[in-house]
Amino acid sequence: QVQLVESGGGLVQPGGSLRLSCVASEIIVGLHRMGWYRQAPGKQRERVASITNDGVIIYADDVKGRFTISSHAANNTVILQMNSLKPEDTAVYLCNAFRAWPTIDSWGQGTQVTVSS
């Protein structure tokens, strides 16, 4: 499986911003989709945002207008710009890379985002 390395998490006050980056260890030929997910304590993992290789973007309803996902296909990098952060955004954020066939469904180790005053 491809290794994904995330960076950019941390502690921020409500209303602040963070920028998460995820870089794949190798170029994934035929990559279909990269995305960001999050998991808060006691809650299920949920998709935050994803972007396909042809530019289709999906956001979770509660981050629309605040988060922006972008990708750089040449180096298999995906960025999540998070603005107007709220305490309920606190979670471990994980990067995912997916290819349908041959199947790749790789996850990063996660980066902690904490929004607190």
C-alpha atoms as a PDB file:
ATOM      1  CA  GLN A   1       0.000   0.000   0.000  1.00  0.00           C
ATOM      2  CA  VAL A   2       0.994   3.574  -0.618  1.00  0.00           C
ATOM      3  CA  GLN A   3       2.176   5.504   2.420  1.00  0.00           C
ATOM      4  CA  LEU A   4       0.431   8.786   3.160  1.00  0.00           C
ATOM      5  CA  VAL A   5       2.070  11.407   5.360  1.00  0.00           C
ATOM      6  CA  GLU A   6      -0.064  14.142   6.890  1.00  0.00           C
ATOM      7  CA  SER A   7       1.011  17.384   8.477  1.00  0.00           C
ATOM      8  CA  GLY A   8      -0.452  20.656   9.672  1.00  0.00           C
ATOM      9  CA  GLY A   9      -2.620  19.742  12.639  1.00  0.00           C
ATOM     10  CA  GLY A  10      -2.474  21.500  15.984  1.00  0.00           C
ATOM     11  CA  LEU A  11      -4.273  23.618  18.529  1.00  0.00           C
ATOM     12  CA  VAL A  12      -6.176  26.672  17.349  1.00  0.00           C
ATOM     13  CA  GLN A  13      -8.717  29.034  18.868  1.00  0.00           C
ATOM     14  CA  PRO A  14     -12.301  29.129  17.603  1.00  0.00           C
ATOM     15  CA  GLY A  15     -12.467  31.177  14.433  1.00  0.00           C
ATOM     16  CA  GLY A  16      -8.890  30.347  13.535  1.00  0.00           C
ATOM     17  CA  SER A  17      -7.432  28.514  10.545  1.00  0.00           C
ATOM     18  CA  LEU A  18      -5.280  25.492   9.857  1.00  0.00           C
ATOM     19  CA  ARG A  19      -3.906  23.974   6.674  1.00  0.00           C
ATOM     20  CA  LEU A  20      -3.528  20.222   6.436  1.00  0.00           C
ATOM     21  CA  SER A  21      -1.273  18.581   3.873  1.00  0.00           C
ATOM     22  CA  CYS A  22      -1.069  14.967   2.761  1.00  0.00           C
ATOM     23  CA  VAL A  23       1.655  13.628   0.499  1.00  0.00           C
ATOM     24  CA  ALA A  24       1.743  10.147  -0.995  1.00  0.00           C
ATOM     25  CA  SER A  25       5.023   8.224  -0.951  1.00  0.00           C
ATOM     26  CA  GLU A  26       4.772   7.507  -4.663  1.00  0.00           C
ATOM     27  CA  ILE A  27       2.855   8.568  -7.710  1.00  0.00           C
ATOM     28  CA  ILE A  28      -0.328   6.518  -7.903  1.00  0.00           C
ATOM     29  CA  VAL A  29      -1.118   5.754 -11.518  1.00  0.00           C
ATOM     30  CA  GLY A  30      -4.850   5.766 -12.099  1.00  0.00           C
ATOM     31  CA  LEU A  31      -5.618   7.372  -8.744  1.00  0.00           C
ATOM     32  CA  HIS A  32      -9.353   7.942  -8.518  1.00  0.00           C
ATOM     33  CA  ARG A  33      -9.856  10.004  -5.389  1.00  0.00           C
ATOM     34  CA  MET A  34      -8.098  11.589  -2.429  1.00  0.00           C
ATOM     35  CA  GLY A  35      -9.860  12.926   0.582  1.00  0.00           C
ATOM     36  CA  TRP A  36      -9.888  13.924   4.210  1.00  0.00           C
ATOM     37  CA  TYR A  37     -11.846  12.194   6.925  1.00  0.00           C
ATOM     38  CA  ARG A  38     -12.099  12.854  10.640  1.00  0.00           C
ATOM     39  CA  GLN A  39     -12.865  10.897  13.744  1.00  0.00           C
ATOM     40  CA  ALA A  40     -13.754  12.414  17.082  1.00  0.00           C
ATOM     41  CA  PRO A  41     -13.720  10.410  20.325  1.00  0.00           C
ATOM     42  CA  GLY A  42     -16.775   8.182  20.566  1.00  0.00           C
ATOM     43  CA  LYS A  43     -17.917   9.014  17.042  1.00  0.00           C
ATOM     44  CA  GLN A  44     -17.738   7.257  13.711  1.00  0.00           C
ATOM     45  CA  ARG A  45     -15.254   8.278  11.064  1.00  0.00           C
ATOM     46  CA  GLU A  46     -16.819  10.726   8.630  1.00  0.00           C
ATOM     47  CA  ARG A  47     -15.808  12.195   5.318  1.00  0.00           C
ATOM     48  CA  VAL A  48     -14.879  15.875   5.489  1.00  0.00           C
ATOM     49  CA  ALA A  49     -14.028  16.495   1.845  1.00  0.00           C
ATOM     50  CA  SER A  50     -12.874  14.564  -1.186  1.00  0.00           C
ATOM     51  CA  ILE A  51     -11.670  15.347  -4.681  1.00  0.00           C
ATOM     52  CA  THR A  52     -11.594  13.016  -7.672  1.00  0.00           C
ATOM     53  CA  ASN A  53      -9.031  12.916 -10.453  1.00  0.00           C
ATOM     54  CA  ASP A  54     -11.451  14.771 -12.722  1.00  0.00           C
ATOM     55  CA  GLY A  55     -12.059  17.524 -10.191  1.00  0.00           C
ATOM     56  CA  VAL A  56     -15.341  16.513  -8.596  1.00  0.00           C
ATOM     57  CA  ILE A  57     -15.390  17.836  -5.024  1.00  0.00           C
ATOM     58  CA  ILE A  58     -17.667  16.829  -2.199  1.00  0.00           C
ATOM     59  CA  TYR A  59     -17.864  18.502   1.195  1.00  0.00           C
ATOM     60  CA  ALA A  60     -19.637  17.471   4.347  1.00  0.00           C
ATOM     61  CA  ASP A  61     -22.554  19.821   4.995  1.00  0.00           C
ATOM     62  CA  ASP A  62     -21.105  21.234   8.194  1.00  0.00           C
ATOM     63  CA  VAL A  63     -17.834  22.344   6.565  1.00  0.00           C
ATOM     64  CA  LYS A  64     -19.209  23.881   3.373  1.00  0.00           C
ATOM     65  CA  GLY A  65     -18.090  27.468   3.019  1.00  0.00           C
ATOM     66  CA  ARG A  66     -15.372  27.033   5.637  1.00  0.00           C
ATOM     67  CA  PHE A  67     -13.086  24.290   4.289  1.00  0.00           C
ATOM     68  CA  THR A  68     -11.450  24.052   0.880  1.00  0.00           C
ATOM     69  CA  ILE A  69      -9.848  20.937  -0.587  1.00  0.00           C
ATOM     70  CA  SER A  70      -7.333  21.036  -3.396  1.00  0.00           C
ATOM     71  CA  SER A  71      -4.977  18.552  -4.973  1.00  0.00           C
ATOM     72  CA  HIS A  72      -1.815  18.421  -7.025  1.00  0.00           C
ATOM     73  CA  ALA A  73      -1.994  15.334  -9.179  1.00  0.00           C
ATOM     74  CA  ALA A  74       1.638  15.550 -10.264  1.00  0.00           C
ATOM     75  CA  ASN A  75       2.874  14.698  -6.786  1.00  0.00           C
ATOM     76  CA  ASN A  76      -0.224  13.112  -5.312  1.00  0.00           C
ATOM     77  CA  THR A  77      -0.730  15.812  -2.716  1.00  0.00           C
ATOM     78  CA  VAL A  78      -3.997  16.890  -1.199  1.00  0.00           C
ATOM     79  CA  ILE A  79      -4.507  20.030   0.882  1.00  0.00           C
ATOM     80  CA  LEU A  80      -7.317  20.926   3.251  1.00  0.00           C
ATOM     81  CA  GLN A  81      -7.581  24.611   4.126  1.00  0.00           C
ATOM     82  CA  MET A  82      -9.772  24.996   7.199  1.00  0.00           C
ATOM     83  CA  ASN A  83     -11.097  28.427   8.130  1.00  0.00           C
ATOM     84  CA  SER A  84     -13.550  29.631  10.771  1.00  0.00           C
ATOM     85  CA  LEU A  85     -12.824  26.584  12.865  1.00  0.00           C
ATOM     86  CA  LYS A  86     -15.280  25.553  15.561  1.00  0.00           C
ATOM     87  CA  PRO A  87     -14.829  23.416  18.679  1.00  0.00           C
ATOM     88  CA  GLU A  88     -16.917  20.709  17.022  1.00  0.00           C
ATOM     89  CA  ASP A  89     -14.243  20.405  14.322  1.00  0.00           C
ATOM     90  CA  THR A  90     -11.951  18.874  16.937  1.00  0.00           C
ATOM     91  CA  ALA A  91     -10.933  15.401  15.769  1.00  0.00           C
ATOM     92  CA  VAL A  92      -8.161  13.309  14.300  1.00  0.00           C
ATOM     93  CA  TYR A  93      -8.024  14.089  10.596  1.00  0.00           C
ATOM     94  CA  LEU A  94      -6.971  11.301   8.252  1.00  0.00           C
ATOM     95  CA  CYS A  95      -5.977  11.371   4.608  1.00  0.00           C
ATOM     96  CA  ASN A  96      -7.171   8.718   2.180  1.00  0.00           C
ATOM     97  CA  ALA A  97      -6.133   7.733  -1.331  1.00  0.00           C
ATOM     98  CA  PHE A  98      -8.338   5.437  -3.386  1.00  0.00           C
ATOM     99  CA  ARG A  99      -8.003   3.603  -6.668  1.00  0.00           C
ATOM    100  CA  ALA A 100     -10.634   1.142  -7.800  1.00  0.00           C
ATOM    101  CA  TRP A 101      -8.417  -1.349  -9.660  1.00  0.00           C
ATOM    102  CA  PRO A 102      -5.893  -2.620  -8.842  1.00  0.00           C
ATOM    103  CA  THR A 103      -7.336  -1.603  -5.542  1.00  0.00           C
ATOM    104  CA  ILE A 104      -5.572   0.955  -3.379  1.00  0.00           C
ATOM    105  CA  ASP A 105      -7.299   2.198  -0.255  1.00  0.00           C
ATOM    106  CA  SER A 106      -4.564   3.800   1.829  1.00  0.00           C
ATOM    107  CA  TRP A 107      -4.854   5.816   5.016  1.00  0.00           C
ATOM    108  CA  GLY A 108      -2.476   8.168   6.738  1.00  0.00           C
ATOM    109  CA  GLN A 109      -1.657   7.948  10.414  1.00  0.00           C
ATOM    110  CA  GLY A 110      -3.838  10.943  11.249  1.00  0.00           C
ATOM    111  CA  THR A 111      -3.152  14.413  12.559  1.00  0.00           C
ATOM    112  CA  GLN A 112      -4.859  15.908  15.587  1.00  0.00           C
ATOM    113  CA  VAL A 113      -6.859  19.105  15.200  1.00  0.00           C
ATOM    114  CA  THR A 114      -8.022  20.725  18.422  1.00  0.00           C
ATOM    115  CA  VAL A 115     -10.184  23.854  18.426  1.00  0.00           C
ATOM    116  CA  SER A 116     -10.373  25.364  21.875  1.00  0.00           C
ATOM    117  CA  SER A 117     -10.059  28.666  23.663  1.00  0.00           C
END
